[in-house]
Amino acid sequence: TDTDIKVRLARWQAPEPKVRQGFLDRYSRSVSEV
């Protein structure tokens, strides 16, 4: 349900980035959706 999805999203935490330096770090933080 929409409520189930909203509750889960409220508890969701973004995963740790796989890259923390260099261009790919900037890319992963700034790239738009596909």
PDB file of all heavy atoms in Angstrom:
ATOM      1  N   THR A   1       0.841  -1.194   0.000  1.00  0.00           N
ATOM      2  CA  THR A   1       0.000   0.000   0.000  1.00  0.00           C
ATOM      3  C   THR A   1       0.880   1.248   0.000  1.00  0.00           C
ATOM      4  O   THR A   1       2.071   1.194   0.333  1.00  0.00           O
ATOM      5  CB  THR A   1      -0.917   0.029   1.223  1.00  0.00           C
ATOM      6  OG1 THR A   1      -0.112   0.179   2.405  1.00  0.00           O
ATOM      7  CG2 THR A   1      -1.742  -1.249   1.327  1.00  0.00           C
ATOM      8  N   ASP A   2       0.309   2.364  -0.357  1.00  0.00           N
ATOM      9  CA  ASP A   2       1.043   3.634  -0.311  1.00  0.00           C
ATOM     10  C   ASP A   2       1.548   3.911   1.102  1.00  0.00           C
ATOM     11  O   ASP A   2       2.651   4.432   1.289  1.00  0.00           O
ATOM     12  CB  ASP A   2       0.146   4.785  -0.774  1.00  0.00           C
ATOM     13  CG  ASP A   2      -0.167   4.713  -2.257  1.00  0.00           C
ATOM     14  OD1 ASP A   2       0.547   3.977  -2.978  1.00  0.00           O
ATOM     15  OD2 ASP A   2      -1.116   5.385  -2.698  1.00  0.00           O
ATOM     16  N   THR A   3       0.735   3.541   2.097  1.00  0.00           N
ATOM     17  CA  THR A   3       1.135   3.747   3.492  1.00  0.00           C
ATOM     18  C   THR A   3       2.344   2.887   3.842  1.00  0.00           C
ATOM     19  O   THR A   3       3.289   3.358   4.488  1.00  0.00           O
ATOM     20  CB  THR A   3      -0.027   3.424   4.445  1.00  0.00           C
ATOM     21  OG1 THR A   3      -1.129   4.281   4.144  1.00  0.00           O
ATOM     22  CG2 THR A   3       0.394   3.622   5.894  1.00  0.00           C
ATOM     23  N   ASP A   4       2.324   1.624   3.406  1.00  0.00           N
ATOM     24  CA  ASP A   4       3.464   0.737   3.661  1.00  0.00           C
ATOM     25  C   ASP A   4       4.749   1.308   3.067  1.00  0.00           C
ATOM     26  O   ASP A   4       5.811   1.294   3.701  1.00  0.00           O
ATOM     27  CB  ASP A   4       3.209  -0.652   3.065  1.00  0.00           C
ATOM     28  CG  ASP A   4       2.135  -1.424   3.806  1.00  0.00           C
ATOM     29  OD1 ASP A   4       1.934  -1.148   5.008  1.00  0.00           O
ATOM     30  OD2 ASP A   4       1.491  -2.289   3.186  1.00  0.00           O
ATOM     31  N   ILE A   5       4.646   1.804   1.852  1.00  0.00           N
ATOM     32  CA  ILE A   5       5.821   2.363   1.177  1.00  0.00           C
ATOM     33  C   ILE A   5       6.317   3.601   1.912  1.00  0.00           C
ATOM     34  O   ILE A   5       7.527   3.768   2.138  1.00  0.00           O
ATOM     35  CB  ILE A   5       5.490   2.691  -0.297  1.00  0.00           C
ATOM     36  CG1 ILE A   5       5.227   1.382  -1.072  1.00  0.00           C
ATOM     37  CG2 ILE A   5       6.621   3.476  -0.954  1.00  0.00           C
ATOM     38  CD1 ILE A   5       4.753   1.593  -2.491  1.00  0.00           C
ATOM     39  N   LYS A   6       5.405   4.473   2.331  1.00  0.00           N
ATOM     40  CA  LYS A   6       5.798   5.692   3.045  1.00  0.00           C
ATOM     41  C   LYS A   6       6.469   5.376   4.381  1.00  0.00           C
ATOM     42  O   LYS A   6       7.454   6.022   4.760  1.00  0.00           O
ATOM     43  CB  LYS A   6       4.574   6.587   3.262  1.00  0.00           C
ATOM     44  CG  LYS A   6       4.057   7.247   1.993  1.00  0.00           C
ATOM     45  CD  LYS A   6       2.819   8.079   2.272  1.00  0.00           C
ATOM     46  CE  LYS A   6       2.297   8.724   0.998  1.00  0.00           C
ATOM     47  NZ  LYS A   6       1.053   9.510   1.243  1.00  0.00           N
ATOM     48  N   VAL A   7       5.939   4.383   5.082  1.00  0.00           N
ATOM     49  CA  VAL A   7       6.527   4.001   6.372  1.00  0.00           C
ATOM     50  C   VAL A   7       7.943   3.462   6.171  1.00  0.00           C
ATOM     51  O   VAL A   7       8.882   3.831   6.896  1.00  0.00           O
ATOM     52  CB  VAL A   7       5.642   2.955   7.082  1.00  0.00           C
ATOM     53  CG1 VAL A   7       6.377   2.354   8.276  1.00  0.00           C
ATOM     54  CG2 VAL A   7       4.328   3.588   7.528  1.00  0.00           C
ATOM     55  N   ARG A   8       8.115   2.617   5.179  1.00  0.00           N
ATOM     56  CA  ARG A   8       9.452   2.071   4.916  1.00  0.00           C
ATOM     57  C   ARG A   8      10.422   3.169   4.491  1.00  0.00           C
ATOM     58  O   ARG A   8      11.588   3.172   4.907  1.00  0.00           O
ATOM     59  CB  ARG A   8       9.376   0.995   3.836  1.00  0.00           C
ATOM     60  CG  ARG A   8       8.725  -0.299   4.294  1.00  0.00           C
ATOM     61  CD  ARG A   8       9.003  -1.398   3.277  1.00  0.00           C
ATOM     62  NE  ARG A   8       8.202  -2.592   3.515  1.00  0.00           N
ATOM     63  CZ  ARG A   8       8.304  -3.700   2.787  1.00  0.00           C
ATOM     64  NH1 ARG A   8       9.181  -3.757   1.791  1.00  0.00           N
ATOM     65  NH2 ARG A   8       7.555  -4.751   3.057  1.00  0.00           N
ATOM     66  N   LEU A   9       9.954   4.075   3.651  1.00  0.00           N
ATOM     67  CA  LEU A   9      10.830   5.158   3.193  1.00  0.00           C
ATOM     68  C   LEU A   9      11.242   6.064   4.352  1.00  0.00           C
ATOM     69  O   LEU A   9      12.367   6.573   4.380  1.00  0.00           O
ATOM     70  CB  LEU A   9      10.135   5.979   2.102  1.00  0.00           C
ATOM     71  CG  LEU A   9      10.061   5.323   0.724  1.00  0.00           C
ATOM     72  CD1 LEU A   9       9.230   6.175  -0.232  1.00  0.00           C
ATOM     73  CD2 LEU A   9      11.457   5.118   0.144  1.00  0.00           C
ATOM     74  N   ALA A  10      10.333   6.268   5.304  1.00  0.00           N
ATOM     75  CA  ALA A  10      10.655   7.108   6.468  1.00  0.00           C
ATOM     76  C   ALA A  10      11.760   6.472   7.313  1.00  0.00           C
ATOM     77  O   ALA A  10      12.533   7.175   7.977  1.00  0.00           O
ATOM     78  CB  ALA A  10       9.408   7.333   7.317  1.00  0.00           C
ATOM     79  N   ARG A  11      11.872   5.147   7.272  1.00  0.00           N
ATOM     80  CA  ARG A  11      12.886   4.445   8.049  1.00  0.00           C
ATOM     81  C   ARG A  11      14.152   4.161   7.242  1.00  0.00           C
ATOM     82  O   ARG A  11      15.145   3.690   7.797  1.00  0.00           O
ATOM     83  CB  ARG A  11      12.308   3.111   8.550  1.00  0.00           C
ATOM     84  CG  ARG A  11      11.123   3.273   9.486  1.00  0.00           C
ATOM     85  CD  ARG A  11      10.472   1.925   9.746  1.00  0.00           C
ATOM     86  NE  ARG A  11       9.342   2.043  10.679  1.00  0.00           N
ATOM     87  CZ  ARG A  11       8.484   1.063  10.940  1.00  0.00           C
ATOM     88  NH1 ARG A  11       8.630  -0.109  10.323  1.00  0.00           N
ATOM     89  NH2 ARG A  11       7.496   1.248  11.798  1.00  0.00           N
ATOM     90  N   TRP A  12      14.104   4.430   5.944  1.00  0.00           N
ATOM     91  CA  TRP A  12      15.208   4.064   5.048  1.00  0.00           C
ATOM     92  C   TRP A  12      16.413   4.980   5.239  1.00  0.00           C
ATOM     93  O   TRP A  12      16.277   6.186   5.441  1.00  0.00           O
ATOM     94  CB  TRP A  12      14.730   4.143   3.607  1.00  0.00           C
ATOM     95  CG  TRP A  12      15.786   3.823   2.576  1.00  0.00           C
ATOM     96  CD1 TRP A  12      16.251   2.593   2.251  1.00  0.00           C
ATOM     97  CD2 TRP A  12      16.480   4.750   1.739  1.00  0.00           C
ATOM     98  NE1 TRP A  12      17.201   2.687   1.257  1.00  0.00           N
ATOM     99  CE2 TRP A  12      17.362   3.993   0.931  1.00  0.00           C
ATOM    100  CE3 TRP A  12      16.437   6.140   1.604  1.00  0.00           C
ATOM    101  CZ2 TRP A  12      18.196   4.583  -0.015  1.00  0.00           C
ATOM    102  CZ3 TRP A  12      17.272   6.734   0.667  1.00  0.00           C
ATOM    103  CH2 TRP A  12      18.134   5.960  -0.120  1.00  0.00           C
ATOM    104  N   GLN A  13      17.566   4.401   5.173  1.00  0.00           N
ATOM    105  CA  GLN A  13      18.813   5.160   5.199  1.00  0.00           C
ATOM    106  C   GLN A  13      19.590   4.856   3.928  1.00  0.00           C
ATOM    107  O   GLN A  13      19.713   3.692   3.523  1.00  0.00           O
ATOM    108  CB  GLN A  13      19.658   4.793   6.425  1.00  0.00           C
ATOM    109  CG  GLN A  13      19.033   5.238   7.745  1.00  0.00           C
ATOM    110  CD  GLN A  13      19.939   4.942   8.930  1.00  0.00           C
ATOM    111  OE1 GLN A  13      20.823   4.089   8.857  1.00  0.00           O
ATOM    112  NE2 GLN A  13      19.718   5.643  10.017  1.00  0.00           N
ATOM    113  N   ALA A  14      20.120   5.882   3.315  1.00  0.00           N
ATOM    114  CA  ALA A  14      20.865   5.703   2.069  1.00  0.00           C
ATOM    115  C   ALA A  14      22.083   4.812   2.311  1.00  0.00           C
ATOM    116  O   ALA A  14      22.736   4.917   3.354  1.00  0.00           O
ATOM    117  CB  ALA A  14      21.310   7.065   1.528  1.00  0.00           C
ATOM    118  N   PRO A  15      22.402   3.934   1.380  1.00  0.00           N
ATOM    119  CA  PRO A  15      23.578   3.070   1.540  1.00  0.00           C
ATOM    120  C   PRO A  15      24.867   3.881   1.508  1.00  0.00           C
ATOM    121  O   PRO A  15      24.921   4.972   0.925  1.00  0.00           O
ATOM    122  CB  PRO A  15      23.488   2.122   0.341  1.00  0.00           C
ATOM    123  CG  PRO A  15      22.673   2.869  -0.676  1.00  0.00           C
ATOM    124  CD  PRO A  15      21.692   3.676   0.109  1.00  0.00           C
ATOM    125  N   GLU A  16      25.890   3.353   2.145  1.00  0.00           N
ATOM    126  CA  GLU A  16      27.189   4.015   2.116  1.00  0.00           C
ATOM    127  C   GLU A  16      27.718   4.050   0.678  1.00  0.00           C
ATOM    128  O   GLU A  16      27.594   3.065  -0.057  1.00  0.00           O
ATOM    129  CB  GLU A  16      28.184   3.262   3.003  1.00  0.00           C
ATOM    130  CG  GLU A  16      27.893   3.382   4.496  1.00  0.00           C
ATOM    131  CD  GLU A  16      28.126   4.800   5.000  1.00  0.00           C
ATOM    132  OE1 GLU A  16      29.072   5.458   4.515  1.00  0.00           O
ATOM    133  OE2 GLU A  16      27.355   5.241   5.860  1.00  0.00           O
ATOM    134  N   PRO A  17      28.299   5.175   0.252  1.00  0.00           N
ATOM    135  CA  PRO A  17      28.840   5.233  -1.110  1.00  0.00           C
ATOM    136  C   PRO A  17      29.985   4.244  -1.290  1.00  0.00           C
ATOM    137  O   PRO A  17      30.764   4.005  -0.367  1.00  0.00           O
ATOM    138  CB  PRO A  17      29.322   6.684  -1.233  1.00  0.00           C
ATOM    139  CG  PRO A  17      29.495   7.164   0.167  1.00  0.00           C
ATOM    140  CD  PRO A  17      28.479   6.442   0.988  1.00  0.00           C
ATOM    141  N   LYS A  18      30.082   3.665  -2.464  1.00  0.00           N
ATOM    142  CA  LYS A  18      31.128   2.686  -2.746  1.00  0.00           C
ATOM    143  C   LYS A  18      32.483   3.353  -2.986  1.00  0.00           C
ATOM    144  O   LYS A  18      33.519   2.717  -2.835  1.00  0.00           O
ATOM    145  CB  LYS A  18      30.742   1.845  -3.962  1.00  0.00           C
ATOM    146  CG  LYS A  18      29.497   0.995  -3.747  1.00  0.00           C
ATOM    147  CD  LYS A  18      29.094   0.267  -5.016  1.00  0.00           C
ATOM    148  CE  LYS A  18      27.811  -0.515  -4.807  1.00  0.00           C
ATOM    149  NZ  LYS A  18      27.342  -1.145  -6.061  1.00  0.00           N
ATOM    150  N   VAL A  19      32.453   4.614  -3.405  1.00  0.00           N
ATOM    151  CA  VAL A  19      33.677   5.365  -3.672  1.00  0.00           C
ATOM    152  C   VAL A  19      33.636   6.656  -2.877  1.00  0.00           C
ATOM    153  O   VAL A  19      32.616   7.358  -2.874  1.00  0.00           O
ATOM    154  CB  VAL A  19      33.829   5.680  -5.179  1.00  0.00           C
ATOM    155  CG1 VAL A  19      35.112   6.451  -5.448  1.00  0.00           C
ATOM    156  CG2 VAL A  19      33.805   4.394  -5.995  1.00  0.00           C
ATOM    157  N   ARG A  20      34.725   6.994  -2.216  1.00  0.00           N
ATOM    158  CA  ARG A  20      34.746   8.174  -1.354  1.00  0.00           C
ATOM    159  C   ARG A  20      35.767   9.224  -1.771  1.00  0.00           C
ATOM    160  O   ARG A  20      36.016  10.173  -1.037  1.00  0.00           O
ATOM    161  CB  ARG A  20      35.028   7.761   0.096  1.00  0.00           C
ATOM    162  CG  ARG A  20      33.886   6.981   0.741  1.00  0.00           C
ATOM    163  CD  ARG A  20      34.188   6.672   2.183  1.00  0.00           C
ATOM    164  NE  ARG A  20      33.074   6.054   2.867  1.00  0.00           N
ATOM    165  CZ  ARG A  20      32.072   6.724   3.440  1.00  0.00           C
ATOM    166  NH1 ARG A  20      32.069   8.043   3.429  1.00  0.00           N
ATOM    167  NH2 ARG A  20      31.098   6.081   4.047  1.00  0.00           N
ATOM    168  N   GLN A  21      36.363   9.058  -2.930  1.00  0.00           N
ATOM    169  CA  GLN A  21      37.335  10.049  -3.372  1.00  0.00           C
ATOM    170  C   GLN A  21      37.377  10.097  -4.896  1.00  0.00           C
ATOM    171  O   GLN A  21      36.898   9.184  -5.567  1.00  0.00           O
ATOM    172  CB  GLN A  21      38.733   9.715  -2.841  1.00  0.00           C
ATOM    173  CG  GLN A  21      39.263   8.361  -3.277  1.00  0.00           C
ATOM    174  CD  GLN A  21      40.601   8.034  -2.644  1.00  0.00           C
ATOM    175  OE1 GLN A  21      41.147   8.809  -1.881  1.00  0.00           O
ATOM    176  NE2 GLN A  21      41.139   6.865  -2.964  1.00  0.00           N
ATOM    177  N   GLY A  22      37.950  11.173  -5.410  1.00  0.00           N
ATOM    178  CA  GLY A  22      38.111  11.301  -6.842  1.00  0.00           C
ATOM    179  C   GLY A  22      36.833  11.651  -7.570  1.00  0.00           C
ATOM    180  O   GLY A  22      35.812  12.007  -6.981  1.00  0.00           O
ATOM    181  N   PHE A  23      36.899  11.513  -8.895  1.00  0.00           N
ATOM    182  CA  PHE A  23      35.775  11.924  -9.733  1.00  0.00           C
ATOM    183  C   PHE A  23      34.526  11.090  -9.474  1.00  0.00           C
ATOM    184  O   PHE A  23      33.407  11.610  -9.471  1.00  0.00           O
ATOM    185  CB  PHE A  23      36.162  11.819 -11.218  1.00  0.00           C
ATOM    186  CG  PHE A  23      35.021  12.117 -12.140  1.00  0.00           C
ATOM    187  CD1 PHE A  23      34.605  13.421 -12.361  1.00  0.00           C
ATOM    188  CD2 PHE A  23      34.321  11.086 -12.759  1.00  0.00           C
ATOM    189  CE1 PHE A  23      33.531  13.699 -13.201  1.00  0.00           C
ATOM    190  CE2 PHE A  23      33.250  11.355 -13.600  1.00  0.00           C
ATOM    191  CZ  PHE A  23      32.856  12.665 -13.820  1.00  0.00           C
ATOM    192  N   LEU A  24      34.685   9.781  -9.259  1.00  0.00           N
ATOM    193  CA  LEU A  24      33.508   8.936  -9.051  1.00  0.00           C
ATOM    194  C   LEU A  24      32.760   9.306  -7.775  1.00  0.00           C
ATOM    195  O   LEU A  24      31.546   9.134  -7.696  1.00  0.00           O
ATOM    196  CB  LEU A  24      33.900   7.462  -9.018  1.00  0.00           C
ATOM    197  CG  LEU A  24      34.209   6.817 -10.366  1.00  0.00           C
ATOM    198  CD1 LEU A  24      34.617   5.365 -10.187  1.00  0.00           C
ATOM    199  CD2 LEU A  24      33.014   6.920 -11.309  1.00  0.00           C
ATOM    200  N   ASP A  25      33.478   9.819  -6.785  1.00  0.00           N
ATOM    201  CA  ASP A  25      32.814  10.301  -5.572  1.00  0.00           C
ATOM    202  C   ASP A  25      31.920  11.480  -5.915  1.00  0.00           C
ATOM    203  O   ASP A  25      30.750  11.528  -5.521  1.00  0.00           O
ATOM    204  CB  ASP A  25      33.868  10.691  -4.535  1.00  0.00           C
ATOM    205  CG  ASP A  25      33.243  11.337  -3.301  1.00  0.00           C
ATOM    206  OD1 ASP A  25      32.290  10.753  -2.754  1.00  0.00           O
ATOM    207  OD2 ASP A  25      33.694  12.425  -2.901  1.00  0.00           O
ATOM    208  N   ARG A  26      32.470  12.434  -6.653  1.00  0.00           N
ATOM    209  CA  ARG A  26      31.662  13.587  -7.077  1.00  0.00           C
ATOM    210  C   ARG A  26      30.512  13.139  -7.973  1.00  0.00           C
ATOM    211  O   ARG A  26      29.374  13.611  -7.836  1.00  0.00           O
ATOM    212  CB  ARG A  26      32.540  14.591  -7.830  1.00  0.00           C
ATOM    213  CG  ARG A  26      31.732  15.737  -8.425  1.00  0.00           C
ATOM    214  CD  ARG A  26      32.597  16.745  -9.146  1.00  0.00           C
ATOM    215  NE  ARG A  26      31.752  17.760  -9.752  1.00  0.00           N
ATOM    216  CZ  ARG A  26      31.508  17.854 -11.047  1.00  0.00           C
ATOM    217  NH1 ARG A  26      32.043  16.997 -11.889  1.00  0.00           N
ATOM    218  NH2 ARG A  26      30.733  18.806 -11.521  1.00  0.00           N
ATOM    219  N   TYR A  27      30.798  12.225  -8.876  1.00  0.00           N
ATOM    220  CA  TYR A  27      29.777  11.736  -9.796  1.00  0.00           C
ATOM    221  C   TYR A  27      28.614  11.109  -9.032  1.00  0.00           C
ATOM    222  O   TYR A  27      27.447  11.427  -9.293  1.00  0.00           O
ATOM    223  CB  TYR A  27      30.404  10.712 -10.739  1.00  0.00           C
ATOM    224  CG  TYR A  27      29.442  10.073 -11.713  1.00  0.00           C
ATOM    225  CD1 TYR A  27      29.210  10.639 -12.962  1.00  0.00           C
ATOM    226  CD2 TYR A  27      28.776   8.896 -11.390  1.00  0.00           C
ATOM    227  CE1 TYR A  27      28.328  10.051 -13.859  1.00  0.00           C
ATOM    228  CE2 TYR A  27      27.888   8.300 -12.281  1.00  0.00           C
ATOM    229  CZ  TYR A  27      27.674   8.883 -13.508  1.00  0.00           C
ATOM    230  OH  TYR A  27      26.793   8.307 -14.388  1.00  0.00           O
ATOM    231  N   SER A  28      28.905  10.235  -8.086  1.00  0.00           N
ATOM    232  CA  SER A  28      27.846   9.531  -7.368  1.00  0.00           C
ATOM    233  C   SER A  28      26.989  10.474  -6.536  1.00  0.00           C
ATOM    234  O   SER A  28      25.830  10.185  -6.258  1.00  0.00           O
ATOM    235  CB  SER A  28      28.435   8.433  -6.485  1.00  0.00           C
ATOM    236  OG  SER A  28      29.244   8.987  -5.473  1.00  0.00           O
ATOM    237  N   ARG A  29      27.557  11.599  -6.124  1.00  0.00           N
ATOM    238  CA  ARG A  29      26.788  12.566  -5.335  1.00  0.00           C
ATOM    239  C   ARG A  29      26.012  13.539  -6.210  1.00  0.00           C
ATOM    240  O   ARG A  29      25.029  14.137  -5.747  1.00  0.00           O
ATOM    241  CB  ARG A  29      27.730  13.359  -4.421  1.00  0.00           C
ATOM    242  CG  ARG A  29      28.286  12.538  -3.259  1.00  0.00           C
ATOM    243  CD  ARG A  29      29.125  13.379  -2.290  1.00  0.00           C
ATOM    244  NE  ARG A  29      30.446  13.693  -2.831  1.00  0.00           N
ATOM    245  CZ  ARG A  29      30.816  14.868  -3.309  1.00  0.00           C
ATOM    246  NH1 ARG A  29      29.941  15.878  -3.325  1.00  0.00           N
ATOM    247  NH2 ARG A  29      32.032  15.080  -3.770  1.00  0.00           N
ATOM    248  N   SER A  30      26.400  13.702  -7.469  1.00  0.00           N
ATOM    249  CA  SER A  30      25.831  14.764  -8.300  1.00  0.00           C
ATOM    250  C   SER A  30      25.079  14.280  -9.529  1.00  0.00           C
ATOM    251  O   SER A  30      24.402  15.082 -10.178  1.00  0.00           O
ATOM    252  CB  SER A  30      26.962  15.701  -8.770  1.00  0.00           C
ATOM    253  OG  SER A  30      27.708  16.194  -7.681  1.00  0.00           O
ATOM    254  N   VAL A  31      25.191  13.006  -9.887  1.00  0.00           N
ATOM    255  CA  VAL A  31      24.579  12.534 -11.122  1.00  0.00           C
ATOM    256  C   VAL A  31      23.059  12.492 -10.997  1.00  0.00           C
ATOM    257  O   VAL A  31      22.510  12.226  -9.923  1.00  0.00           O
ATOM    258  CB  VAL A  31      25.137  11.142 -11.491  1.00  0.00           C
ATOM    259  CG1 VAL A  31      24.674  10.081 -10.483  1.00  0.00           C
ATOM    260  CG2 VAL A  31      24.748  10.753 -12.898  1.00  0.00           C
ATOM    261  N   SER A  32      22.384  12.764 -12.114  1.00  0.00           N
ATOM    262  CA  SER A  32      20.928  12.729 -12.123  1.00  0.00           C
ATOM    263  C   SER A  32      20.441  11.301 -12.293  1.00  0.00           C
ATOM    264  O   SER A  32      21.214  10.369 -12.566  1.00  0.00           O
ATOM    265  CB  SER A  32      20.393  13.582 -13.283  1.00  0.00           C
ATOM    266  OG  SER A  32      20.728  12.994 -14.541  1.00  0.00           O
ATOM    267  N   GLU A  33      19.132  11.121 -12.122  1.00  0.00           N
ATOM    268  CA  GLU A  33      18.527   9.803 -12.280  1.00  0.00           C
ATOM    269  C   GLU A  33      18.648   9.347 -13.742  1.00  0.00           C
ATOM    270  O   GLU A  33      18.795  10.160 -14.669  1.00  0.00           O
ATOM    271  CB  GLU A  33      17.057   9.848 -11.889  1.00  0.00           C
ATOM    272  CG  GLU A  33      16.855   9.885 -10.386  1.00  0.00           C
ATOM    273  CD  GLU A  33      16.715   8.489  -9.802  1.00  0.00           C
ATOM    274  OE1 GLU A  33      17.245   7.531 -10.396  1.00  0.00           O
ATOM    275  OE2 GLU A  33      16.093   8.366  -8.751  1.00  0.00           O
ATOM    276  N   VAL A  34      18.540   8.036 -13.951  1.00  0.00           N
ATOM    277  CA  VAL A  34      18.739   7.497 -15.299  1.00  0.00           C
ATOM    278  C   VAL A  34      17.668   7.991 -16.267  1.00  0.00           C
ATOM    279  O   VAL A  34      17.962   8.207 -17.454  1.00  0.00           O
ATOM    280  CB  VAL A  34      18.779   5.951 -15.245  1.00  0.00           C
ATOM    281  CG1 VAL A  34      17.415   5.372 -14.862  1.00  0.00           C
ATOM    282  CG2 VAL A  34      19.257   5.376 -16.558  1.00  0.00           C
TER     283      VAL A  34
END
